[in-house]
C-alpha atoms as a PDB file:
ATOM      1  CA  THR A   1      29.586  11.390  51.662  1.00  0.00           C
ATOM      2  CA  LEU A   2      29.891   9.694  55.032  1.00  0.00           C
ATOM      3  CA  ARG A   3      27.184   9.383  57.673  1.00  0.00           C
ATOM      4  CA  LEU A   4      27.936   8.453  61.264  1.00  0.00           C
ATOM      5  CA  VAL A   5      25.838   5.413  62.149  1.00  0.00           C
ATOM      6  CA  SER A   6      27.040   4.762  65.675  1.00  0.00           C
ATOM      7  CA  ALA A   7      29.757   5.679  68.128  1.00  0.00           C
ATOM      8  CA  THR A   8      31.095   3.971  71.223  1.00  0.00           C
ATOM      9  CA  SER A   9      33.091   5.697  73.926  1.00  0.00           C
ATOM     10  CA  ILE A  10      36.214   3.873  75.130  1.00  0.00           C
ATOM     11  CA  ASP A  11      37.157   4.188  78.781  1.00  0.00           C
ATOM     12  CA  GLY A  12      40.640   5.001  79.953  1.00  0.00           C
ATOM     13  CA  ASP A  13      41.597   1.402  80.770  1.00  0.00           C
ATOM     14  CA  ARG A  14      40.746   0.212  77.253  1.00  0.00           C
ATOM     15  CA  VAL A  15      42.639   3.113  75.719  1.00  0.00           C
ATOM     16  CA  ALA A  16      45.688   2.263  77.825  1.00  0.00           C
ATOM     17  CA  ALA A  17      45.449  -1.414  76.826  1.00  0.00           C
ATOM     18  CA  ALA A  18      45.243  -0.489  73.134  1.00  0.00           C
ATOM     19  CA  ASP A  19      48.194   1.866  73.486  1.00  0.00           C
ATOM     20  CA  ALA A  20      50.263  -0.903  75.093  1.00  0.00           C
ATOM     21  CA  ALA A  21      49.330  -3.312  72.287  1.00  0.00           C
ATOM     22  CA  LEU A  22      50.176  -0.706  69.662  1.00  0.00           C
ATOM     23  CA  ALA A  23      53.579  -0.162  71.283  1.00  0.00           C
ATOM     24  CA  GLU A  24      54.270  -3.914  70.959  1.00  0.00           C
ATOM     25  CA  ALA A  25      53.128  -3.887  67.321  1.00  0.00           C
ATOM     26  CA  LEU A  26      55.528  -1.045  66.550  1.00  0.00           C
ATOM     27  CA  ALA A  27      58.301  -2.908  68.401  1.00  0.00           C
ATOM     28  CA  VAL A  28      57.717  -5.914  66.133  1.00  0.00           C
ATOM     29  CA  GLN A  29      57.892  -3.615  63.116  1.00  0.00           C
ATOM     30  CA  ARG A  30      61.193  -2.090  64.277  1.00  0.00           C
ATOM     31  CA  GLU A  31      62.730  -5.479  64.990  1.00  0.00           C
ATOM     32  CA  LEU A  32      61.770  -6.727  61.531  1.00  0.00           C
ATOM     33  CA  ASP A  33      63.755  -3.794  60.120  1.00  0.00           C
ATOM     34  CA  ARG A  34      62.174  -4.160  56.685  1.00  0.00           C
ATOM     35  CA  ASP A  35      62.651  -1.652  53.907  1.00  0.00           C
ATOM     36  CA  GLU A  36      59.605   0.562  53.313  1.00  0.00           C
ATOM     37  CA  ARG A  37      59.436  -0.780  49.746  1.00  0.00           C
ATOM     38  CA  GLU A  38      59.556  -4.409  50.856  1.00  0.00           C
ATOM     39  CA  THR A  39      56.456  -6.329  49.774  1.00  0.00           C
ATOM     40  CA  LYS A  40      57.524  -9.976  50.040  1.00  0.00           C
ATOM     41  CA  PRO A  41      56.042 -11.638  53.151  1.00  0.00           C
ATOM     42  CA  GLU A  42      58.853 -14.142  53.669  1.00  0.00           C
ATOM     43  CA  ILE A  43      61.084 -13.581  56.718  1.00  0.00           C
ATOM     44  CA  GLY A  44      64.571 -14.974  57.234  1.00  0.00           C
ATOM     45  CA  GLU A  45      65.207 -17.742  59.746  1.00  0.00           C
ATOM     46  CA  GLU A  46      67.245 -15.562  62.112  1.00  0.00           C
ATOM     47  CA  THR A  47      64.573 -12.856  62.108  1.00  0.00           C
ATOM     48  CA  LEU A  48      61.818 -15.402  62.771  1.00  0.00           C
ATOM     49  CA  THR A  49      63.713 -16.573  65.827  1.00  0.00           C
ATOM     50  CA  SER A  50      64.453 -13.073  67.108  1.00  0.00           C
ATOM     51  CA  ILE A  51      60.865 -11.795  66.874  1.00  0.00           C
ATOM     52  CA  ALA A  52      59.143 -14.872  68.352  1.00  0.00           C
ATOM     53  CA  ALA A  53      59.058 -13.503  71.921  1.00  0.00           C
ATOM     54  CA  ARG A  54      58.083 -10.041  70.696  1.00  0.00           C
ATOM     55  CA  VAL A  55      55.142 -11.419  68.716  1.00  0.00           C
ATOM     56  CA  GLU A  56      54.014 -13.445  71.720  1.00  0.00           C
ATOM     57  CA  ALA A  57      54.011 -10.259  73.818  1.00  0.00           C
ATOM     58  CA  PHE A  58      52.024  -8.479  71.102  1.00  0.00           C
ATOM     59  CA  VAL A  59      49.378 -11.219  71.131  1.00  0.00           C
ATOM     60  CA  GLY A  60      49.125 -11.104  74.911  1.00  0.00           C
ATOM     61  CA  LYS A  61      48.710  -7.334  75.152  1.00  0.00           C
ATOM     62  CA  SER A  62      46.311  -7.128  72.216  1.00  0.00           C
ATOM     63  CA  LYS A  63      43.580  -9.267  73.786  1.00  0.00           C
ATOM     64  CA  GLY A  64      40.323  -7.371  73.943  1.00  0.00           C
ATOM     65  CA  THR A  65      41.665  -4.487  71.861  1.00  0.00           C
ATOM     66  CA  TRP A  66      41.105  -3.505  68.244  1.00  0.00           C
ATOM     67  CA  LEU A  67      44.579  -4.913  67.477  1.00  0.00           C
ATOM     68  CA  GLU A  68      43.712  -8.469  68.511  1.00  0.00           C
ATOM     69  CA  PRO A  69      42.809  -9.722  64.972  1.00  0.00           C
ATOM     70  CA  LEU A  70      46.060  -8.282  63.594  1.00  0.00           C
ATOM     71  CA  ALA A  71      48.112  -9.874  66.376  1.00  0.00           C
ATOM     72  CA  LYS A  72      46.537 -13.284  65.725  1.00  0.00           C
ATOM     73  CA  SER A  73      47.232 -12.949  62.012  1.00  0.00           C
ATOM     74  CA  VAL A  74      50.884 -12.024  62.625  1.00  0.00           C
ATOM     75  CA  ALA A  75      51.338 -14.911  65.063  1.00  0.00           C
ATOM     76  CA  ALA A  76      49.758 -17.396  62.642  1.00  0.00           C
ATOM     77  CA  ASP A  77      52.021 -16.234  59.799  1.00  0.00           C
ATOM     78  CA  VAL A  78      55.162 -16.444  61.949  1.00  0.00           C
ATOM     79  CA  ALA A  79      54.155 -19.948  63.084  1.00  0.00           C
ATOM     80  CA  ALA A  80      53.545 -21.071  59.482  1.00  0.00           C
ATOM     81  CA  GLN A  81      56.846 -19.659  58.262  1.00  0.00           C
ATOM     82  CA  SER A  82      58.698 -21.230  61.194  1.00  0.00           C
ATOM     83  CA  LYS A  83      57.196 -24.635  60.362  1.00  0.00           C
ATOM     84  CA  ARG A  84      58.174 -24.264  56.702  1.00  0.00           C
ATOM     85  CA  THR A  85      61.711 -23.371  57.743  1.00  0.00           C
ATOM     86  CA  ALA A  86      61.918 -26.404  60.037  1.00  0.00           C
ATOM     87  CA  ASP A  87      60.527 -28.700  57.323  1.00  0.00           C
ATOM     88  CA  VAL A  88      63.026 -27.402  54.738  1.00  0.00           C
ATOM     89  CA  ASP A  89      65.870 -27.792  57.251  1.00  0.00           C
ATOM     90  CA  GLU A  90      64.808 -31.402  57.727  1.00  0.00           C
ATOM     91  CA  LEU A  91      64.727 -31.865  53.947  1.00  0.00           C
ATOM     92  CA  ALA A  92      68.210 -30.376  53.610  1.00  0.00           C
ATOM     93  CA  ALA A  93      69.523 -32.708  56.313  1.00  0.00           C
ATOM     94  CA  ARG A  94      68.447 -35.669  54.170  1.00  0.00           C
ATOM     95  CA  PHE A  95      70.709 -34.550  51.316  1.00  0.00           C
ATOM     96  CA  VAL A  96      73.723 -32.754  52.802  1.00  0.00           C
ATOM     97  CA  GLY A  97      76.692 -35.100  53.050  1.00  0.00           C
ATOM     98  CA  GLU A  98      75.030 -37.700  50.842  1.00  0.00           C
ATOM     99  CA  LYS A  99      75.743 -38.608  47.234  1.00  0.00           C
ATOM    100  CA  ALA A 100      73.895 -36.292  44.877  1.00  0.00           C
ATOM    101  CA  PRO A 101      71.198 -37.834  42.646  1.00  0.00           C
ATOM    102  CA  ASP A 102      72.255 -38.673  39.113  1.00  0.00           C
ATOM    103  CA  LEU A 103      72.285 -35.613  36.877  1.00  0.00           C
ATOM    104  CA  GLU A 104      70.873 -35.589  33.378  1.00  0.00           C
ATOM    105  CA  LEU A 105      70.999 -31.946  32.324  1.00  0.00           C
ATOM    106  CA  THR A 106      69.391 -30.848  29.074  1.00  0.00           C
ATOM    107  CA  GLY A 107      69.940 -27.396  27.601  1.00  0.00           C
ATOM    108  CA  LEU A 108      67.499 -25.067  25.864  1.00  0.00           C
ATOM    109  CA  ASP A 109      68.645 -26.502  22.549  1.00  0.00           C
ATOM    110  CA  GLY A 110      67.642 -30.011  23.620  1.00  0.00           C
ATOM    111  CA  LYS A 111      71.236 -31.197  23.828  1.00  0.00           C
ATOM    112  CA  PRO A 112      72.864 -32.689  26.956  1.00  0.00           C
ATOM    113  CA  ILE A 113      74.917 -30.317  29.125  1.00  0.00           C
ATOM    114  CA  GLU A 114      78.253 -31.882  29.931  1.00  0.00           C
ATOM    115  CA  ILE A 115      79.695 -30.997  33.331  1.00  0.00           C
ATOM    116  CA  GLU A 116      83.371 -31.461  34.110  1.00  0.00           C
ATOM    117  CA  ALA A 117      83.745 -34.034  36.874  1.00  0.00           C
ATOM    118  CA  GLY A 118      85.950 -33.561  39.899  1.00  0.00           C
ATOM    119  CA  LYS A 119      84.989 -29.926  40.532  1.00  0.00           C
ATOM    120  CA  PRO A 120      82.292 -28.278  42.665  1.00  0.00           C
ATOM    121  CA  LEU A 121      78.962 -27.724  40.891  1.00  0.00           C
ATOM    122  CA  LEU A 122      76.317 -25.189  41.896  1.00  0.00           C
ATOM    123  CA  LEU A 123      72.766 -25.900  40.717  1.00  0.00           C
ATOM    124  CA  HIS A 124      70.356 -22.955  40.822  1.00  0.00           C
ATOM    125  CA  PHE A 125      66.759 -24.185  40.399  1.00  0.00           C
ATOM    126  CA  TRP A 126      64.375 -21.317  39.561  1.00  0.00           C
ATOM    127  CA  ASP A 127      60.881 -20.715  38.228  1.00  0.00           C
ATOM    128  CA  TYR A 128      60.919 -16.963  37.522  1.00  0.00           C
ATOM    129  CA  ARG A 129      57.960 -15.953  35.366  1.00  0.00           C
ATOM    130  CA  HIS A 130      57.397 -12.254  36.023  1.00  0.00           C
ATOM    131  CA  ASP A 131      57.702  -9.574  33.377  1.00  0.00           C
ATOM    132  CA  ASN A 132      59.400  -6.920  35.502  1.00  0.00           C
ATOM    133  CA  LEU A 133      62.965  -8.155  35.534  1.00  0.00           C
ATOM    134  CA  GLU A 134      63.924  -6.899  38.977  1.00  0.00           C
ATOM    135  CA  GLU A 135      64.177  -8.832  42.252  1.00  0.00           C
ATOM    136  CA  PRO A 136      64.424 -11.818  42.466  1.00  0.00           C
ATOM    137  CA  TYR A 137      66.075 -11.670  39.040  1.00  0.00           C
ATOM    138  CA  GLY A 138      68.859  -9.688  40.702  1.00  0.00           C
ATOM    139  CA  GLN A 139      70.004 -12.918  42.361  1.00  0.00           C
ATOM    140  CA  VAL A 140      70.757 -14.235  38.883  1.00  0.00           C
ATOM    141  CA  GLY A 141      73.077 -11.263  38.466  1.00  0.00           C
ATOM    142  CA  TYR A 142      74.769 -12.084  41.747  1.00  0.00           C
ATOM    143  CA  ILE A 143      75.400 -15.617  40.488  1.00  0.00           C
ATOM    144  CA  GLY A 144      77.207 -14.108  37.525  1.00  0.00           C
ATOM    145  CA  PHE A 145      79.278 -12.098  40.002  1.00  0.00           C
ATOM    146  CA  LEU A 146      80.049 -15.295  41.931  1.00  0.00           C
ATOM    147  CA  GLN A 147      81.008 -17.039  38.709  1.00  0.00           C
ATOM    148  CA  GLY A 148      83.473 -14.274  37.891  1.00  0.00           C
ATOM    149  CA  LYS A 149      85.154 -14.680  41.292  1.00  0.00           C
ATOM    150  CA  ARG A 150      85.273 -18.469  41.602  1.00  0.00           C
ATOM    151  CA  GLU A 151      85.154 -19.975  38.102  1.00  0.00           C
ATOM    152  CA  LYS A 152      88.933 -19.957  37.629  1.00  0.00           C
ATOM    153  CA  LEU A 153      89.296 -21.818  40.908  1.00  0.00           C
ATOM    154  CA  GLY A 154      87.083 -24.620  39.608  1.00  0.00           C
ATOM    155  CA  LEU A 155      83.465 -23.724  40.395  1.00  0.00           C
ATOM    156  CA  ARG A 156      80.905 -24.818  37.797  1.00  0.00           C
ATOM    157  CA  ILE A 157      77.407 -23.306  37.715  1.00  0.00           C
ATOM    158  CA  VAL A 158      74.245 -24.491  35.973  1.00  0.00           C
ATOM    159  CA  GLY A 159      70.943 -22.662  36.156  1.00  0.00           C
ATOM    160  CA  VAL A 160      67.944 -25.019  36.069  1.00  0.00           C
ATOM    161  CA  ALA A 161      64.731 -23.451  34.768  1.00  0.00           C
ATOM    162  CA  VAL A 162      61.805 -25.358  36.271  1.00  0.00           C
ATOM    163  CA  ASP A 163      58.391 -25.307  34.616  1.00  0.00           C
ATOM    164  CA  LYS A 164      55.968 -28.195  34.221  1.00  0.00           C
ATOM    165  CA  GLY A 165      55.074 -26.721  30.814  1.00  0.00           C
ATOM    166  CA  LEU A 166      58.449 -27.968  29.581  1.00  0.00           C
ATOM    167  CA  GLY A 167      56.950 -31.444  29.615  1.00  0.00           C
ATOM    168  CA  ASP A 168      54.122 -30.348  27.288  1.00  0.00           C
ATOM    169  CA  SER A 169      55.079 -30.129  23.612  1.00  0.00           C
ATOM    170  CA  GLY A 170      52.422 -27.470  23.067  1.00  0.00           C
ATOM    171  CA  LYS A 171      53.601 -25.194  25.880  1.00  0.00           C
ATOM    172  CA  SER A 172      57.331 -25.877  25.824  1.00  0.00           C
ATOM    173  CA  PRO A 173      58.251 -23.403  23.018  1.00  0.00           C
ATOM    174  CA  ALA A 174      56.652 -20.462  24.852  1.00  0.00           C
ATOM    175  CA  VAL A 175      58.295 -21.442  28.136  1.00  0.00           C
ATOM    176  CA  LYS A 176      61.694 -21.652  26.451  1.00  0.00           C
ATOM    177  CA  ARG A 177      61.205 -18.214  24.873  1.00  0.00           C
ATOM    178  CA  SER A 178      60.607 -16.787  28.341  1.00  0.00           C
ATOM    179  CA  ILE A 179      63.768 -18.473  29.640  1.00  0.00           C
ATOM    180  CA  ARG A 180      65.824 -17.117  26.730  1.00  0.00           C
ATOM    181  CA  LYS A 181      64.449 -13.645  27.416  1.00  0.00           C
ATOM    182  CA  LEU A 182      65.747 -13.809  30.976  1.00  0.00           C
ATOM    183  CA  ARG A 183      69.095 -15.220  29.840  1.00  0.00           C
ATOM    184  CA  GLU A 184      69.586 -12.401  27.340  1.00  0.00           C
ATOM    185  CA  PHE A 185      68.347  -9.667  29.672  1.00  0.00           C
ATOM    186  CA  MET A 186      70.655 -10.773  32.501  1.00  0.00           C
ATOM    187  CA  ARG A 187      73.510 -11.729  30.146  1.00  0.00           C
ATOM    188  CA  ILE A 188      73.836 -15.138  31.747  1.00  0.00           C
ATOM    189  CA  ARG A 189      77.065 -16.889  30.686  1.00  0.00           C
ATOM    190  CA  TYR A 190      76.670 -20.171  32.545  1.00  0.00           C
ATOM    191  CA  PRO A 191      74.629 -23.042  31.035  1.00  0.00           C
ATOM    192  CA  ILE A 192      70.880 -23.188  31.591  1.00  0.00           C
ATOM    193  CA  ALA A 193      69.174 -26.560  31.823  1.00  0.00           C
ATOM    194  CA  VAL A 194      65.429 -27.095  31.451  1.00  0.00           C
ATOM    195  CA  ASP A 195      63.417 -29.227  33.849  1.00  0.00           C
ATOM    196  CA  ASP A 196      59.726 -30.127  33.912  1.00  0.00           C
ATOM    197  CA  GLY A 197      60.105 -30.824  37.625  1.00  0.00           C
ATOM    198  CA  THR A 198      61.622 -34.299  37.387  1.00  0.00           C
ATOM    199  CA  LEU A 199      65.168 -33.299  38.348  1.00  0.00           C
ATOM    200  CA  LEU A 200      63.935 -30.963  41.074  1.00  0.00           C
ATOM    201  CA  ALA A 201      61.863 -33.780  42.557  1.00  0.00           C
ATOM    202  CA  ALA A 202      65.009 -35.910  42.796  1.00  0.00           C
ATOM    203  CA  PHE A 203      66.485 -33.223  45.060  1.00  0.00           C
ATOM    204  CA  GLY A 204      63.273 -32.812  47.081  1.00  0.00           C
ATOM    205  CA  ASP A 205      61.033 -30.054  45.724  1.00  0.00           C
ATOM    206  CA  PRO A 206      60.726 -27.529  48.609  1.00  0.00           C
ATOM    207  CA  ARG A 207      57.479 -26.225  47.111  1.00  0.00           C
ATOM    208  CA  ARG A 208      55.765 -29.347  48.399  1.00  0.00           C
ATOM    209  CA  LEU A 209      56.485 -28.048  51.906  1.00  0.00           C
ATOM    210  CA  GLY A 210      55.023 -24.627  51.156  1.00  0.00           C
ATOM    211  CA  ALA A 211      58.453 -23.075  50.534  1.00  0.00           C
ATOM    212  CA  LYS A 212      59.443 -21.320  47.325  1.00  0.00           C
ATOM    213  CA  LEU A 213      62.154 -21.569  44.730  1.00  0.00           C
ATOM    214  CA  PRO A 214      64.952 -20.834  44.070  1.00  0.00           C
ATOM    215  CA  LEU A 215      66.694 -23.905  45.404  1.00  0.00           C
ATOM    216  CA  TRP A 216      70.491 -23.857  45.573  1.00  0.00           C
ATOM    217  CA  VAL A 217      72.335 -27.175  45.676  1.00  0.00           C
ATOM    218  CA  LEU A 218      76.124 -27.131  45.897  1.00  0.00           C
ATOM    219  CA  ILE A 219      77.740 -30.461  45.011  1.00  0.00           C
ATOM    220  CA  ASP A 220      81.379 -30.969  45.957  1.00  0.00           C
ATOM    221  CA  HIS A 221      84.145 -32.397  43.774  1.00  0.00           C
ATOM    222  CA  GLU A 222      83.414 -35.905  45.040  1.00  0.00           C
ATOM    223  CA  GLY A 223      79.766 -35.754  43.994  1.00  0.00           C
ATOM    224  CA  ASN A 224      78.329 -35.240  47.484  1.00  0.00           C
ATOM    225  CA  VAL A 225      75.806 -32.537  48.394  1.00  0.00           C
ATOM    226  CA  HIS A 226      77.811 -29.886  50.225  1.00  0.00           C
ATOM    227  CA  SER A 227      74.992 -27.409  50.931  1.00  0.00           C
ATOM    228  CA  TYR A 228      71.266 -27.094  50.293  1.00  0.00           C
ATOM    229  CA  HIS A 229      69.330 -23.817  50.560  1.00  0.00           C
ATOM    230  CA  ALA A 230      65.738 -23.019  49.587  1.00  0.00           C
ATOM    231  CA  GLY A 231      64.720 -19.406  48.969  1.00  0.00           C
ATOM    232  CA  LEU A 232      66.612 -16.214  48.281  1.00  0.00           C
ATOM    233  CA  TYR A 233      69.936 -15.481  49.941  1.00  0.00           C
ATOM    234  CA  GLU A 234      70.619 -12.222  51.712  1.00  0.00           C
ATOM    235  CA  ALA A 235      72.386 -10.057  49.141  1.00  0.00           C
ATOM    236  CA  ASP A 236      75.096  -7.472  49.716  1.00  0.00           C
ATOM    237  CA  THR A 237      75.243  -4.971  46.860  1.00  0.00           C
ATOM    238  CA  ARG A 238      79.051  -4.882  47.062  1.00  0.00           C
ATOM    239  CA  LYS A 239      79.897  -8.466  48.010  1.00  0.00           C
ATOM    240  CA  GLY A 240      77.033 -10.419  46.464  1.00  0.00           C
ATOM    241  CA  LEU A 241      75.572 -13.556  48.051  1.00  0.00           C
ATOM    242  CA  VAL A 242      77.976 -13.723  50.979  1.00  0.00           C
ATOM    243  CA  ASP A 243      76.626 -16.882  52.631  1.00  0.00           C
ATOM    244  CA  LEU A 244      76.566 -18.794  49.348  1.00  0.00           C
ATOM    245  CA  ASP A 245      80.085 -17.624  48.527  1.00  0.00           C
ATOM    246  CA  ALA A 246      81.280 -18.929  51.896  1.00  0.00           C
ATOM    247  CA  GLU A 247      79.870 -22.364  51.072  1.00  0.00           C
ATOM    248  CA  VAL A 248      81.547 -22.285  47.657  1.00  0.00           C
ATOM    249  CA  VAL A 249      84.892 -21.338  49.206  1.00  0.00           C
ATOM    250  CA  ALA A 250      84.572 -24.200  51.701  1.00  0.00           C
ATOM    251  CA  ALA A 251      83.887 -26.658  48.876  1.00  0.00           C
ATOM    252  CA  LEU A 252      86.865 -25.338  46.879  1.00  0.00           C
ATOM    253  CA  ARG A 253      89.147 -25.571  49.899  1.00  0.00           C
ATOM    254  CA  LYS A 254      88.039 -29.157  50.367  1.00  0.00           C
ATOM    255  CA  MET A 255      88.892 -29.908  46.733  1.00  0.00           C
ATOM    256  CA  TYR A 256      92.379 -28.434  47.172  1.00  0.00           C
ATOM    257  CA  GLY A 257      92.856 -30.290  50.467  1.00  0.00           C
ATOM    258  CA  ARG A 258      92.808 -27.163  52.620  1.00  0.00           C
ATOM    259  CA  ASP A 259      89.735 -27.745  54.755  1.00  0.00           C
END
């Protein structure tokens, strides 16, 4: 049961102002072009750049209207995500073109993972913990697709499961069971290394900047960092992780002297 406590009439000018603000809010929504089922708040770098002016217009037209708190919240989130993107770009710039940190990869069985030298190596750092094995687990499937296309040409892939519990003898067995569950569910064929965060820190943990894993580090055949990407890639259901594949192809061409 509802009871009306108070009511305030809005004059024509305020209605017009609210309508104009709402039109800008809907324009932002259209430009984002997000799937109705999308729930993740992260926005890609290109989209952040394209909506910046639109969000600014939304903030300006929302002043004094019921949409003003929403506009401020949207603007603050866009600003925070833009700063994270800039910080991660700066982090990537520190590594790309430089010699990769020394790799000591340990498998789920506790044994060292030997990687063939002289060929490109893709490291996929992840910390997936959810029970519903959907997105972002689907990116693991796309890596398998990439492996099928580029492995014969020389690409090597290692998944690196990151969890600080791996450094705790009491928690490590449960963490490893969870990792094995994912490996079996996704039928992962490439090696999986375990990391309590030490190896990730050597590559600059993007989580310290407010960004999220996964982190993708592609090391060329000479041992230099070829590309560095934090977060999920855009995925094409037919072609896979197109941008990552392009980086892999460039690294392979370099190895064969065709760059």
